[in-house]
Amino acid sequence: MSRIILVAIATLLMSCTDKDARSVAYSAISKTAPIYPKEALLMGIEGHCILSFTITREGYTAKIKTVECSNSVFELAAIKAVSEYQYSPRKIDDEAVETAKVEEKFSFRIQEEI
């Protein structure tokens, strides 16, 4: 009997790379994995979705936008996951600042385990 494993992987595409000694990069506190859309599973669809967002001074995500999605069926799942992320925000001179244009890629794969 085989079992289907659903895999939704998030990959950070861009990160804060400020080399200023007075700057501290943002870091993830919690990330929620997206839920594989049932309709995609039923149709055997795999794909990806790339989102762009801002990390606020409070460490939440805002201004979430779709950069690219191989199939629109994955878009809502990816947006919902990113909207639940929480970060330790970027700091300059101990002051929290917004970080815009952070991108993350979500890969949706169906793997069959024997």
C-alpha atoms as a PDB file:
ATOM      1  CA  MET A   1       0.000   0.000   0.000  1.00  0.00           C
ATOM      2  CA  SER A   2       1.410   3.373  -0.923  1.00  0.00           C
ATOM      3  CA  ARG A   3       0.980   6.624   0.906  1.00  0.00           C
ATOM      4  CA  ILE A   4       0.985  10.077  -0.646  1.00  0.00           C
ATOM      5  CA  ILE A   5       3.160  12.685   1.012  1.00  0.00           C
ATOM      6  CA  LEU A   6       2.376  16.287   0.242  1.00  0.00           C
ATOM      7  CA  VAL A   7       5.318  18.607   0.263  1.00  0.00           C
ATOM      8  CA  ALA A   8       5.130  22.359   0.303  1.00  0.00           C
ATOM      9  CA  ILE A   9       8.573  23.850   0.670  1.00  0.00           C
ATOM     10  CA  ALA A  10       9.354  27.493   1.236  1.00  0.00           C
ATOM     11  CA  THR A  11      12.682  28.852   0.101  1.00  0.00           C
ATOM     12  CA  LEU A  12      13.906  32.288   1.009  1.00  0.00           C
ATOM     13  CA  LEU A  13      14.989  33.928  -2.234  1.00  0.00           C
ATOM     14  CA  MET A  14      16.326  37.204  -0.966  1.00  0.00           C
ATOM     15  CA  SER A  15      17.726  38.200   2.394  1.00  0.00           C
ATOM     16  CA  CYS A  16      19.043  41.273   4.109  1.00  0.00           C
ATOM     17  CA  THR A  17      22.753  41.538   3.370  1.00  0.00           C
ATOM     18  CA  ASP A  18      23.638  44.909   4.859  1.00  0.00           C
ATOM     19  CA  LYS A  19      27.294  44.735   5.897  1.00  0.00           C
ATOM     20  CA  ASP A  20      27.080  47.811   8.109  1.00  0.00           C
ATOM     21  CA  ALA A  21      28.332  46.873  11.613  1.00  0.00           C
ATOM     22  CA  ARG A  22      25.459  48.865  13.125  1.00  0.00           C
ATOM     23  CA  SER A  23      22.885  46.807  11.245  1.00  0.00           C
ATOM     24  CA  VAL A  24      21.300  43.525  12.342  1.00  0.00           C
ATOM     25  CA  ALA A  25      19.528  41.416   9.711  1.00  0.00           C
ATOM     26  CA  TYR A  26      15.973  40.197  10.173  1.00  0.00           C
ATOM     27  CA  SER A  27      15.444  36.576  11.173  1.00  0.00           C
ATOM     28  CA  ALA A  28      12.457  34.261  11.181  1.00  0.00           C
ATOM     29  CA  ILE A  29      10.786  33.528  14.504  1.00  0.00           C
ATOM     30  CA  SER A  30       7.996  31.339  13.124  1.00  0.00           C
ATOM     31  CA  LYS A  31       6.931  30.222   9.687  1.00  0.00           C
ATOM     32  CA  THR A  32       3.748  28.368   8.829  1.00  0.00           C
ATOM     33  CA  ALA A  33       3.920  25.754   6.086  1.00  0.00           C
ATOM     34  CA  PRO A  34       1.286  26.190   3.378  1.00  0.00           C
ATOM     35  CA  ILE A  35      -1.529  23.668   3.139  1.00  0.00           C
ATOM     36  CA  TYR A  36      -1.494  21.758  -0.138  1.00  0.00           C
ATOM     37  CA  PRO A  37      -4.712  22.749  -1.956  1.00  0.00           C
ATOM     38  CA  LYS A  38      -7.144  19.805  -2.148  1.00  0.00           C
ATOM     39  CA  GLU A  39      -8.150  20.598  -5.721  1.00  0.00           C
ATOM     40  CA  ALA A  40      -4.502  20.484  -6.804  1.00  0.00           C
ATOM     41  CA  LEU A  41      -4.067  17.129  -5.098  1.00  0.00           C
ATOM     42  CA  LEU A  42      -7.188  15.693  -6.718  1.00  0.00           C
ATOM     43  CA  MET A  43      -5.974  16.818 -10.140  1.00  0.00           C
ATOM     44  CA  GLY A  44      -2.377  15.723  -9.471  1.00  0.00           C
ATOM     45  CA  ILE A  45      -1.053  19.259  -9.989  1.00  0.00           C
ATOM     46  CA  GLU A  46       2.392  20.262  -8.745  1.00  0.00           C
ATOM     47  CA  GLY A  47       3.970  23.681  -9.016  1.00  0.00           C
ATOM     48  CA  HIS A  48       5.388  26.708  -7.307  1.00  0.00           C
ATOM     49  CA  CYS A  49       4.510  30.196  -6.197  1.00  0.00           C
ATOM     50  CA  ILE A  50       6.873  33.125  -5.539  1.00  0.00           C
ATOM     51  CA  LEU A  51       5.688  35.890  -3.225  1.00  0.00           C
ATOM     52  CA  SER A  52       7.170  39.271  -2.350  1.00  0.00           C
ATOM     53  CA  PHE A  53       6.434  40.945   0.975  1.00  0.00           C
ATOM     54  CA  THR A  54       7.568  43.522   3.511  1.00  0.00           C
ATOM     55  CA  ILE A  55       8.681  42.706   7.047  1.00  0.00           C
ATOM     56  CA  THR A  56       7.316  45.452   9.291  1.00  0.00           C
ATOM     57  CA  ARG A  57       9.109  47.062  12.218  1.00  0.00           C
ATOM     58  CA  GLU A  58       6.931  44.895  14.458  1.00  0.00           C
ATOM     59  CA  GLY A  59       8.086  41.708  12.699  1.00  0.00           C
ATOM     60  CA  TYR A  60       4.907  40.903  10.767  1.00  0.00           C
ATOM     61  CA  THR A  61       4.449  40.528   7.021  1.00  0.00           C
ATOM     62  CA  ALA A  62       2.640  43.153   4.950  1.00  0.00           C
ATOM     63  CA  LYS A  63       2.214  44.181   1.310  1.00  0.00           C
ATOM     64  CA  ILE A  64       2.166  40.549   0.180  1.00  0.00           C
ATOM     65  CA  LYS A  65       2.219  40.285  -3.616  1.00  0.00           C
ATOM     66  CA  THR A  66       2.443  37.418  -6.046  1.00  0.00           C
ATOM     67  CA  VAL A  67       5.539  37.590  -8.228  1.00  0.00           C
ATOM     68  CA  GLU A  68       4.918  34.327 -10.086  1.00  0.00           C
ATOM     69  CA  CYS A  69       2.712  31.256  -9.706  1.00  0.00           C
ATOM     70  CA  SER A  70       2.883  28.224 -11.970  1.00  0.00           C
ATOM     71  CA  ASN A  71      -0.819  27.671 -11.302  1.00  0.00           C
ATOM     72  CA  SER A  72      -3.256  30.001  -9.546  1.00  0.00           C
ATOM     73  CA  VAL A  73      -4.482  27.082  -7.417  1.00  0.00           C
ATOM     74  CA  PHE A  74      -1.374  27.540  -5.193  1.00  0.00           C
ATOM     75  CA  GLU A  75      -1.599  31.302  -4.729  1.00  0.00           C
ATOM     76  CA  LEU A  76      -4.037  31.484  -1.804  1.00  0.00           C
ATOM     77  CA  ALA A  77      -2.216  28.750   0.160  1.00  0.00           C
ATOM     78  CA  ALA A  78       1.115  30.563  -0.234  1.00  0.00           C
ATOM     79  CA  ILE A  79      -0.355  33.969   0.704  1.00  0.00           C
ATOM     80  CA  LYS A  80      -2.062  32.516   3.781  1.00  0.00           C
ATOM     81  CA  ALA A  81       1.198  30.928   4.948  1.00  0.00           C
ATOM     82  CA  VAL A  82       3.232  34.147   4.504  1.00  0.00           C
ATOM     83  CA  SER A  83       0.575  36.193   6.282  1.00  0.00           C
ATOM     84  CA  GLU A  84       1.183  34.069   9.407  1.00  0.00           C
ATOM     85  CA  TYR A  85       4.993  34.452   9.423  1.00  0.00           C
ATOM     86  CA  GLN A  86       6.657  36.330  12.256  1.00  0.00           C
ATOM     87  CA  TYR A  87      10.160  37.808  12.250  1.00  0.00           C
ATOM     88  CA  SER A  88      12.628  39.553  14.444  1.00  0.00           C
ATOM     89  CA  PRO A  89      12.845  42.745  12.346  1.00  0.00           C
ATOM     90  CA  ARG A  90      15.965  44.248  10.844  1.00  0.00           C
ATOM     91  CA  LYS A  91      17.624  46.807  13.108  1.00  0.00           C
ATOM     92  CA  ILE A  92      19.858  49.752  12.379  1.00  0.00           C
ATOM     93  CA  ASP A  93      21.455  51.427  15.394  1.00  0.00           C
ATOM     94  CA  ASP A  94      19.149  49.314  17.626  1.00  0.00           C
ATOM     95  CA  GLU A  95      16.092  50.773  15.843  1.00  0.00           C
ATOM     96  CA  ALA A  96      13.696  48.332  14.110  1.00  0.00           C
ATOM     97  CA  VAL A  97      13.159  49.161  10.426  1.00  0.00           C
ATOM     98  CA  GLU A  98      10.939  47.815   7.646  1.00  0.00           C
ATOM     99  CA  THR A  99      12.458  45.476   5.102  1.00  0.00           C
ATOM    100  CA  ALA A 100      10.772  45.569   1.702  1.00  0.00           C
ATOM    101  CA  LYS A 101      10.962  43.199  -1.258  1.00  0.00           C
ATOM    102  CA  VAL A 102      11.654  39.980   0.653  1.00  0.00           C
ATOM    103  CA  GLU A 103      10.864  37.075  -1.681  1.00  0.00           C
ATOM    104  CA  GLU A 104      10.031  33.484  -0.884  1.00  0.00           C
ATOM    105  CA  LYS A 105       9.391  30.555  -3.204  1.00  0.00           C
ATOM    106  CA  PHE A 106       6.925  27.823  -2.289  1.00  0.00           C
ATOM    107  CA  SER A 107       7.292  24.493  -4.087  1.00  0.00           C
ATOM    108  CA  PHE A 108       4.266  22.223  -4.070  1.00  0.00           C
ATOM    109  CA  ARG A 109       5.130  18.572  -4.763  1.00  0.00           C
ATOM    110  CA  ILE A 110       3.279  15.286  -4.433  1.00  0.00           C
ATOM    111  CA  GLN A 111       5.571  12.457  -3.426  1.00  0.00           C
ATOM    112  CA  GLU A 112       4.446   8.878  -3.278  1.00  0.00           C
ATOM    113  CA  GLU A 113       5.987   6.780  -0.542  1.00  0.00           C
ATOM    114  CA  ILE A 114       6.058   3.009  -0.982  1.00  0.00           C
END
